[in-house]
PDB file of all heavy atoms in Angstrom:
ATOM      1  N   LEU A   1       0.821  -1.216   0.000  1.00  0.00           N
ATOM      2  CA  LEU A   1       0.000   0.000   0.000  1.00  0.00           C
ATOM      3  C   LEU A   1       0.853   1.264   0.000  1.00  0.00           C
ATOM      4  O   LEU A   1       0.469   2.287  -0.576  1.00  0.00           O
ATOM      5  CB  LEU A   1      -0.924   0.007   1.222  1.00  0.00           C
ATOM      6  CG  LEU A   1      -2.054  -1.025   1.223  1.00  0.00           C
ATOM      7  CD1 LEU A   1      -2.768  -1.021   2.562  1.00  0.00           C
ATOM      8  CD2 LEU A   1      -3.047  -0.752   0.106  1.00  0.00           C
ATOM      9  N   ASN A   2       2.022   1.190   0.645  1.00  0.00           N
ATOM     10  CA  ASN A   2       2.862   2.377   0.788  1.00  0.00           C
ATOM     11  C   ASN A   2       3.951   2.482  -0.277  1.00  0.00           C
ATOM     12  O   ASN A   2       4.826   3.347  -0.182  1.00  0.00           O
ATOM     13  CB  ASN A   2       3.510   2.395   2.179  1.00  0.00           C
ATOM     14  CG  ASN A   2       2.486   2.542   3.287  1.00  0.00           C
ATOM     15  OD1 ASN A   2       1.435   3.127   3.073  1.00  0.00           O
ATOM     16  ND2 ASN A   2       2.789   2.006   4.456  1.00  0.00           N
ATOM     17  N   SER A   3       3.903   1.615  -1.276  1.00  0.00           N
ATOM     18  CA  SER A   3       4.935   1.651  -2.313  1.00  0.00           C
ATOM     19  C   SER A   3       4.944   2.983  -3.059  1.00  0.00           C
ATOM     20  O   SER A   3       5.988   3.445  -3.528  1.00  0.00           O
ATOM     21  CB  SER A   3       4.739   0.495  -3.302  1.00  0.00           C
ATOM     22  OG  SER A   3       3.479   0.586  -3.950  1.00  0.00           O
ATOM     23  N   LEU A   4       3.786   3.625  -3.161  1.00  0.00           N
ATOM     24  CA  LEU A   4       3.715   4.925  -3.833  1.00  0.00           C
ATOM     25  C   LEU A   4       4.534   5.973  -3.078  1.00  0.00           C
ATOM     26  O   LEU A   4       5.154   6.842  -3.695  1.00  0.00           O
ATOM     27  CB  LEU A   4       2.255   5.380  -3.956  1.00  0.00           C
ATOM     28  CG  LEU A   4       2.026   6.733  -4.636  1.00  0.00           C
ATOM     29  CD1 LEU A   4       2.576   6.724  -6.064  1.00  0.00           C
ATOM     30  CD2 LEU A   4       0.544   7.083  -4.648  1.00  0.00           C
ATOM     31  N   HIS A   5       4.546   5.901  -1.757  1.00  0.00           N
ATOM     32  CA  HIS A   5       5.324   6.856  -0.967  1.00  0.00           C
ATOM     33  C   HIS A   5       6.820   6.696  -1.243  1.00  0.00           C
ATOM     34  O   HIS A   5       7.555   7.676  -1.367  1.00  0.00           O
ATOM     35  CB  HIS A   5       5.040   6.675   0.520  1.00  0.00           C
ATOM     36  CG  HIS A   5       3.616   6.928   0.906  1.00  0.00           C
ATOM     37  ND1 HIS A   5       2.988   8.136   0.685  1.00  0.00           N
ATOM     38  CD2 HIS A   5       2.691   6.132   1.496  1.00  0.00           C
ATOM     39  CE1 HIS A   5       1.743   8.078   1.119  1.00  0.00           C
ATOM     40  NE2 HIS A   5       1.532   6.866   1.602  1.00  0.00           N
ATOM     41  N   LEU A   6       7.263   5.430  -1.323  1.00  0.00           N
ATOM     42  CA  LEU A   6       8.671   5.178  -1.633  1.00  0.00           C
ATOM     43  C   LEU A   6       9.004   5.659  -3.035  1.00  0.00           C
ATOM     44  O   LEU A   6      10.047   6.282  -3.256  1.00  0.00           O
ATOM     45  CB  LEU A   6       8.962   3.679  -1.487  1.00  0.00           C
ATOM     46  CG  LEU A   6      10.400   3.235  -1.773  1.00  0.00           C
ATOM     47  CD1 LEU A   6      11.389   3.941  -0.851  1.00  0.00           C
ATOM     48  CD2 LEU A   6      10.516   1.714  -1.622  1.00  0.00           C
ATOM     49  N   HIS A   7       8.114   5.381  -3.972  1.00  0.00           N
ATOM     50  CA  HIS A   7       8.273   5.834  -5.354  1.00  0.00           C
ATOM     51  C   HIS A   7       8.423   7.362  -5.405  1.00  0.00           C
ATOM     52  O   HIS A   7       9.333   7.896  -6.056  1.00  0.00           O
ATOM     53  CB  HIS A   7       7.058   5.397  -6.171  1.00  0.00           C
ATOM     54  CG  HIS A   7       6.947   6.015  -7.531  1.00  0.00           C
ATOM     55  ND1 HIS A   7       7.454   5.420  -8.667  1.00  0.00           N
ATOM     56  CD2 HIS A   7       6.399   7.183  -7.928  1.00  0.00           C
ATOM     57  CE1 HIS A   7       7.212   6.210  -9.713  1.00  0.00           C
ATOM     58  NE2 HIS A   7       6.573   7.282  -9.296  1.00  0.00           N
ATOM     59  N   THR A   8       7.553   8.053  -4.693  1.00  0.00           N
ATOM     60  CA  THR A   8       7.574   9.520  -4.681  1.00  0.00           C
ATOM     61  C   THR A   8       8.856  10.047  -4.050  1.00  0.00           C
ATOM     62  O   THR A   8       9.463  10.999  -4.551  1.00  0.00           O
ATOM     63  CB  THR A   8       6.355  10.062  -3.914  1.00  0.00           C
ATOM     64  OG1 THR A   8       5.149   9.579  -4.539  1.00  0.00           O
ATOM     65  CG2 THR A   8       6.343  11.577  -3.913  1.00  0.00           C
ATOM     66  N   ALA A   9       9.283   9.436  -2.945  1.00  0.00           N
ATOM     67  CA  ALA A   9      10.481   9.887  -2.247  1.00  0.00           C
ATOM     68  C   ALA A   9      11.729   9.707  -3.111  1.00  0.00           C
ATOM     69  O   ALA A   9      12.583  10.611  -3.191  1.00  0.00           O
ATOM     70  CB  ALA A   9      10.638   9.126  -0.933  1.00  0.00           C
ATOM     71  N   LEU A  10      11.848   8.556  -3.771  1.00  0.00           N
ATOM     72  CA  LEU A  10      13.024   8.312  -4.609  1.00  0.00           C
ATOM     73  C   LEU A  10      13.025   9.216  -5.837  1.00  0.00           C
ATOM     74  O   LEU A  10      14.072   9.751  -6.229  1.00  0.00           O
ATOM     75  CB  LEU A  10      13.068   6.845  -5.028  1.00  0.00           C
ATOM     76  CG  LEU A  10      13.451   5.854  -3.921  1.00  0.00           C
ATOM     77  CD1 LEU A  10      13.290   4.418  -4.393  1.00  0.00           C
ATOM     78  CD2 LEU A  10      14.882   6.094  -3.446  1.00  0.00           C
ATOM     79  N   ASP A  11      11.861   9.409  -6.441  1.00  0.00           N
ATOM     80  CA  ASP A  11      11.781  10.307  -7.598  1.00  0.00           C
ATOM     81  C   ASP A  11      12.131  11.737  -7.214  1.00  0.00           C
ATOM     82  O   ASP A  11      12.800  12.456  -7.966  1.00  0.00           O
ATOM     83  CB  ASP A  11      10.379  10.255  -8.205  1.00  0.00           C
ATOM     84  CG  ASP A  11      10.229   9.124  -9.212  1.00  0.00           C
ATOM     85  OD1 ASP A  11      11.170   8.305  -9.324  1.00  0.00           O
ATOM     86  OD2 ASP A  11       9.187   9.046  -9.886  1.00  0.00           O
ATOM     87  N   ALA A  12      11.680  12.164  -6.037  1.00  0.00           N
ATOM     88  CA  ALA A  12      12.005  13.516  -5.572  1.00  0.00           C
ATOM     89  C   ALA A  12      13.502  13.660  -5.333  1.00  0.00           C
ATOM     90  O   ALA A  12      14.100  14.684  -5.675  1.00  0.00           O
ATOM     91  CB  ALA A  12      11.232  13.834  -4.297  1.00  0.00           C
ATOM     92  N   ALA A  13      14.113  12.625  -4.761  1.00  0.00           N
ATOM     93  CA  ALA A  13      15.554  12.669  -4.509  1.00  0.00           C
ATOM     94  C   ALA A  13      16.340  12.756  -5.814  1.00  0.00           C
ATOM     95  O   ALA A  13      17.355  13.460  -5.904  1.00  0.00           O
ATOM     96  CB  ALA A  13      15.984  11.428  -3.724  1.00  0.00           C
ATOM     97  N   ILE A  14      15.850  12.075  -6.844  1.00  0.00           N
ATOM     98  CA  ILE A  14      16.551  12.051  -8.128  1.00  0.00           C
ATOM     99  C   ILE A  14      16.254  13.293  -8.960  1.00  0.00           C
ATOM    100  O   ILE A  14      17.159  13.982  -9.441  1.00  0.00           O
ATOM    101  CB  ILE A  14      16.171  10.771  -8.909  1.00  0.00           C
ATOM    102  CG1 ILE A  14      16.696   9.526  -8.182  1.00  0.00           C
ATOM    103  CG2 ILE A  14      16.723  10.831 -10.334  1.00  0.00           C
ATOM    104  CD1 ILE A  14      16.153   8.227  -8.720  1.00  0.00           C
ATOM    105  N   LEU A  15      14.972  13.608  -9.125  1.00  0.00           N
ATOM    106  CA  LEU A  15      14.571  14.685 -10.030  1.00  0.00           C
ATOM    107  C   LEU A  15      14.736  16.064  -9.411  1.00  0.00           C
ATOM    108  O   LEU A  15      15.078  17.034 -10.103  1.00  0.00           O
ATOM    109  CB  LEU A  15      13.119  14.480 -10.466  1.00  0.00           C
ATOM    110  CG  LEU A  15      12.832  13.165 -11.212  1.00  0.00           C
ATOM    111  CD1 LEU A  15      11.346  13.023 -11.489  1.00  0.00           C
ATOM    112  CD2 LEU A  15      13.640  13.095 -12.507  1.00  0.00           C
ATOM    113  N   GLU A  16      14.482  16.176  -8.107  1.00  0.00           N
ATOM    114  CA  GLU A  16      14.571  17.474  -7.445  1.00  0.00           C
ATOM    115  C   GLU A  16      15.857  17.635  -6.639  1.00  0.00           C
ATOM    116  O   GLU A  16      16.421  18.725  -6.566  1.00  0.00           O
ATOM    117  CB  GLU A  16      13.360  17.669  -6.527  1.00  0.00           C
ATOM    118  CG  GLU A  16      12.026  17.638  -7.270  1.00  0.00           C
ATOM    119  CD  GLU A  16      10.842  17.676  -6.321  1.00  0.00           C
ATOM    120  OE1 GLU A  16      11.026  18.120  -5.160  1.00  0.00           O
ATOM    121  OE2 GLU A  16       9.740  17.251  -6.730  1.00  0.00           O
ATOM    122  N   GLY A  17      16.301  16.547  -6.033  1.00  0.00           N
ATOM    123  CA  GLY A  17      17.497  16.623  -5.191  1.00  0.00           C
ATOM    124  C   GLY A  17      18.792  16.356  -5.926  1.00  0.00           C
ATOM    125  O   GLY A  17      19.880  16.536  -5.366  1.00  0.00           O
ATOM    126  N   GLY A  18      18.699  15.875  -7.163  1.00  0.00           N
ATOM    127  CA  GLY A  18      19.895  15.635  -7.949  1.00  0.00           C
ATOM    128  C   GLY A  18      20.635  14.357  -7.605  1.00  0.00           C
ATOM    129  O   GLY A  18      21.810  14.192  -7.973  1.00  0.00           O
ATOM    130  N   LEU A  19      19.973  13.422  -6.913  1.00  0.00           N
ATOM    131  CA  LEU A  19      20.607  12.150  -6.599  1.00  0.00           C
ATOM    132  C   LEU A  19      20.954  11.418  -7.887  1.00  0.00           C
ATOM    133  O   LEU A  19      20.117  11.255  -8.766  1.00  0.00           O
ATOM    134  CB  LEU A  19      19.672  11.288  -5.748  1.00  0.00           C
ATOM    135  CG  LEU A  19      20.219   9.922  -5.315  1.00  0.00           C
ATOM    136  CD1 LEU A  19      21.353  10.086  -4.306  1.00  0.00           C
ATOM    137  CD2 LEU A  19      19.091   9.062  -4.721  1.00  0.00           C
ATOM    138  N   SER A  20      22.197  10.956  -7.991  1.00  0.00           N
ATOM    139  CA  SER A  20      22.667  10.335  -9.230  1.00  0.00           C
ATOM    140  C   SER A  20      23.158   8.913  -8.983  1.00  0.00           C
ATOM    141  O   SER A  20      23.341   8.484  -7.835  1.00  0.00           O
ATOM    142  CB  SER A  20      23.808  11.152  -9.833  1.00  0.00           C
ATOM    143  OG  SER A  20      24.955  11.096  -8.997  1.00  0.00           O
ATOM    144  N   PHE A  21      23.347   8.207 -10.057  1.00  0.00           N
ATOM    145  CA  PHE A  21      23.949   6.879 -10.001  1.00  0.00           C
ATOM    146  C   PHE A  21      25.301   6.937  -9.302  1.00  0.00           C
ATOM    147  O   PHE A  21      25.639   6.084  -8.471  1.00  0.00           O
ATOM    148  CB  PHE A  21      24.083   6.327 -11.423  1.00  0.00           C
ATOM    149  CG  PHE A  21      25.291   5.461 -11.646  1.00  0.00           C
ATOM    150  CD1 PHE A  21      25.380   4.204 -11.087  1.00  0.00           C
ATOM    151  CD2 PHE A  21      26.350   5.926 -12.414  1.00  0.00           C
ATOM    152  CE1 PHE A  21      26.501   3.400 -11.287  1.00  0.00           C
ATOM    153  CE2 PHE A  21      27.457   5.143 -12.621  1.00  0.00           C
ATOM    154  CZ  PHE A  21      27.541   3.870 -12.059  1.00  0.00           C
ATOM    155  N   GLU A  22      26.094   7.952  -9.614  1.00  0.00           N
ATOM    156  CA  GLU A  22      27.420   8.086  -9.008  1.00  0.00           C
ATOM    157  C   GLU A  22      27.328   8.282  -7.506  1.00  0.00           C
ATOM    158  O   GLU A  22      28.160   7.760  -6.746  1.00  0.00           O
ATOM    159  CB  GLU A  22      28.186   9.257  -9.632  1.00  0.00           C
ATOM    160  CG  GLU A  22      28.635   9.032 -11.076  1.00  0.00           C
ATOM    161  CD  GLU A  22      27.532   9.305 -12.091  1.00  0.00           C
ATOM    162  OE1 GLU A  22      26.423   9.723 -11.665  1.00  0.00           O
ATOM    163  OE2 GLU A  22      27.774   9.092 -13.296  1.00  0.00           O
ATOM    164  N   ASP A  23      26.315   9.013  -7.047  1.00  0.00           N
ATOM    165  CA  ASP A  23      26.134   9.233  -5.605  1.00  0.00           C
ATOM    166  C   ASP A  23      25.915   7.921  -4.865  1.00  0.00           C
ATOM    167  O   ASP A  23      26.509   7.674  -3.808  1.00  0.00           O
ATOM    168  CB  ASP A  23      24.945  10.161  -5.350  1.00  0.00           C
ATOM    169  CG  ASP A  23      25.192  11.578  -5.830  1.00  0.00           C
ATOM    170  OD1 ASP A  23      26.353  12.020  -5.817  1.00  0.00           O
ATOM    171  OD2 ASP A  23      24.208  12.241  -6.233  1.00  0.00           O
ATOM    172  N   ILE A  24      25.043   7.087  -5.416  1.00  0.00           N
ATOM    173  CA  ILE A  24      24.734   5.817  -4.750  1.00  0.00           C
ATOM    174  C   ILE A  24      25.931   4.868  -4.838  1.00  0.00           C
ATOM    175  O   ILE A  24      26.249   4.171  -3.867  1.00  0.00           O
ATOM    176  CB  ILE A  24      23.480   5.178  -5.368  1.00  0.00           C
ATOM    177  CG1 ILE A  24      22.275   6.098  -5.158  1.00  0.00           C
ATOM    178  CG2 ILE A  24      23.216   3.801  -4.755  1.00  0.00           C
ATOM    179  CD1 ILE A  24      20.984   5.574  -5.737  1.00  0.00           C
ATOM    180  N   PHE A  25      26.603   4.869  -5.973  1.00  0.00           N
ATOM    181  CA  PHE A  25      27.776   4.000  -6.114  1.00  0.00           C
ATOM    182  C   PHE A  25      28.874   4.412  -5.130  1.00  0.00           C
ATOM    183  O   PHE A  25      29.480   3.558  -4.469  1.00  0.00           O
ATOM    184  CB  PHE A  25      28.306   4.059  -7.552  1.00  0.00           C
ATOM    185  CG  PHE A  25      29.477   3.152  -7.798  1.00  0.00           C
ATOM    186  CD1 PHE A  25      29.325   1.772  -7.778  1.00  0.00           C
ATOM    187  CD2 PHE A  25      30.735   3.683  -8.051  1.00  0.00           C
ATOM    188  CE1 PHE A  25      30.408   0.932  -8.005  1.00  0.00           C
ATOM    189  CE2 PHE A  25      31.824   2.853  -8.277  1.00  0.00           C
ATOM    190  CZ  PHE A  25      31.658   1.476  -8.254  1.00  0.00           C
ATOM    191  N   ASN A  26      29.113   5.712  -4.992  1.00  0.00           N
ATOM    192  CA  ASN A  26      30.127   6.193  -4.057  1.00  0.00           C
ATOM    193  C   ASN A  26      29.722   5.923  -2.610  1.00  0.00           C
ATOM    194  O   ASN A  26      30.573   5.661  -1.751  1.00  0.00           O
ATOM    195  CB  ASN A  26      30.377   7.687  -4.265  1.00  0.00           C
ATOM    196  CG  ASN A  26      31.114   7.977  -5.554  1.00  0.00           C
ATOM    197  OD1 ASN A  26      31.904   7.153  -6.027  1.00  0.00           O
ATOM    198  ND2 ASN A  26      30.854   9.132  -6.141  1.00  0.00           N
ATOM    199  N   PHE A  27      28.426   5.991  -2.340  1.00  0.00           N
ATOM    200  CA  PHE A  27      27.912   5.642  -1.013  1.00  0.00           C
ATOM    201  C   PHE A  27      28.260   4.198  -0.687  1.00  0.00           C
ATOM    202  O   PHE A  27      28.691   3.873   0.431  1.00  0.00           O
ATOM    203  CB  PHE A  27      26.403   5.864  -0.974  1.00  0.00           C
ATOM    204  CG  PHE A  27      25.703   5.290   0.218  1.00  0.00           C
ATOM    205  CD1 PHE A  27      25.734   5.943   1.433  1.00  0.00           C
ATOM    206  CD2 PHE A  27      24.997   4.100   0.109  1.00  0.00           C
ATOM    207  CE1 PHE A  27      25.090   5.416   2.535  1.00  0.00           C
ATOM    208  CE2 PHE A  27      24.348   3.564   1.206  1.00  0.00           C
ATOM    209  CZ  PHE A  27      24.394   4.217   2.421  1.00  0.00           C
ATOM    210  N   TRP A  28      28.078   3.304  -1.656  1.00  0.00           N
ATOM    211  CA  TRP A  28      28.402   1.891  -1.454  1.00  0.00           C
ATOM    212  C   TRP A  28      29.904   1.703  -1.265  1.00  0.00           C
ATOM    213  O   TRP A  28      30.340   0.934  -0.389  1.00  0.00           O
ATOM    214  CB  TRP A  28      27.905   1.078  -2.649  1.00  0.00           C
ATOM    215  CG  TRP A  28      28.305  -0.364  -2.618  1.00  0.00           C
ATOM    216  CD1 TRP A  28      27.820  -1.342  -1.777  1.00  0.00           C
ATOM    217  CD2 TRP A  28      29.292  -0.999  -3.441  1.00  0.00           C
ATOM    218  NE1 TRP A  28      28.435  -2.538  -2.038  1.00  0.00           N
ATOM    219  CE2 TRP A  28      29.346  -2.361  -3.057  1.00  0.00           C
ATOM    220  CE3 TRP A  28      30.118  -0.553  -4.467  1.00  0.00           C
ATOM    221  CZ2 TRP A  28      30.197  -3.269  -3.660  1.00  0.00           C
ATOM    222  CZ3 TRP A  28      30.967  -1.453  -5.080  1.00  0.00           C
ATOM    223  CH2 TRP A  28      31.007  -2.802  -4.674  1.00  0.00           C
ATOM    224  N   ILE A  29      30.714   2.399  -2.047  1.00  0.00           N
ATOM    225  CA  ILE A  29      32.170   2.279  -1.935  1.00  0.00           C
ATOM    226  C   ILE A  29      32.636   2.648  -0.529  1.00  0.00           C
ATOM    227  O   ILE A  29      33.553   2.018   0.033  1.00  0.00           O
ATOM    228  CB  ILE A  29      32.873   3.169  -2.986  1.00  0.00           C
ATOM    229  CG1 ILE A  29      32.698   2.570  -4.389  1.00  0.00           C
ATOM    230  CG2 ILE A  29      34.353   3.332  -2.671  1.00  0.00           C
ATOM    231  CD1 ILE A  29      33.295   3.419  -5.486  1.00  0.00           C
ATOM    232  N   LYS A  30      32.011   3.669   0.066  1.00  0.00           N
ATOM    233  CA  LYS A  30      32.439   4.146   1.385  1.00  0.00           C
ATOM    234  C   LYS A  30      31.835   3.333   2.539  1.00  0.00           C
ATOM    235  O   LYS A  30      32.212   3.540   3.691  1.00  0.00           O
ATOM    236  CB  LYS A  30      32.056   5.620   1.542  1.00  0.00           C
ATOM    237  CG  LYS A  30      32.804   6.538   0.582  1.00  0.00           C
ATOM    238  CD  LYS A  30      32.305   7.975   0.684  1.00  0.00           C
ATOM    239  CE  LYS A  30      33.023   8.865  -0.323  1.00  0.00           C
ATOM    240  NZ  LYS A  30      32.500  10.266  -0.295  1.00  0.00           N
ATOM    241  N   SER A  31      30.914   2.439   2.224  1.00  0.00           N
ATOM    242  CA  SER A  31      30.279   1.639   3.268  1.00  0.00           C
ATOM    243  C   SER A  31      31.126   0.409   3.585  1.00  0.00           C
ATOM    244  O   SER A  31      32.050   0.057   2.853  1.00  0.00           O
ATOM    245  CB  SER A  31      28.880   1.204   2.833  1.00  0.00           C
ATOM    246  OG  SER A  31      28.953   0.139   1.892  1.00  0.00           O
ATOM    247  N   HIS A  32      30.774  -0.265   4.681  1.00  0.00           N
ATOM    248  CA  HIS A  32      31.490  -1.484   5.050  1.00  0.00           C
ATOM    249  C   HIS A  32      31.151  -2.644   4.115  1.00  0.00           C
ATOM    250  O   HIS A  32      31.777  -3.709   4.193  1.00  0.00           O
ATOM    251  CB  HIS A  32      31.156  -1.876   6.498  1.00  0.00           C
ATOM    252  CG  HIS A  32      29.706  -2.205   6.708  1.00  0.00           C
ATOM    253  ND1 HIS A  32      28.778  -1.254   7.094  1.00  0.00           N
ATOM    254  CD2 HIS A  32      29.015  -3.360   6.569  1.00  0.00           C
ATOM    255  CE1 HIS A  32      27.590  -1.822   7.188  1.00  0.00           C
ATOM    256  NE2 HIS A  32      27.709  -3.091   6.873  1.00  0.00           N
TER     257      HIS A  32
END
């Protein structure tokens, strides 16, 4: 039921916040 909220949040992060593939990849590189 709440999948739309996740969809909206991720789209906002990408389209409005500028979240990129490189951001997530670098996040993974810096993680354990």
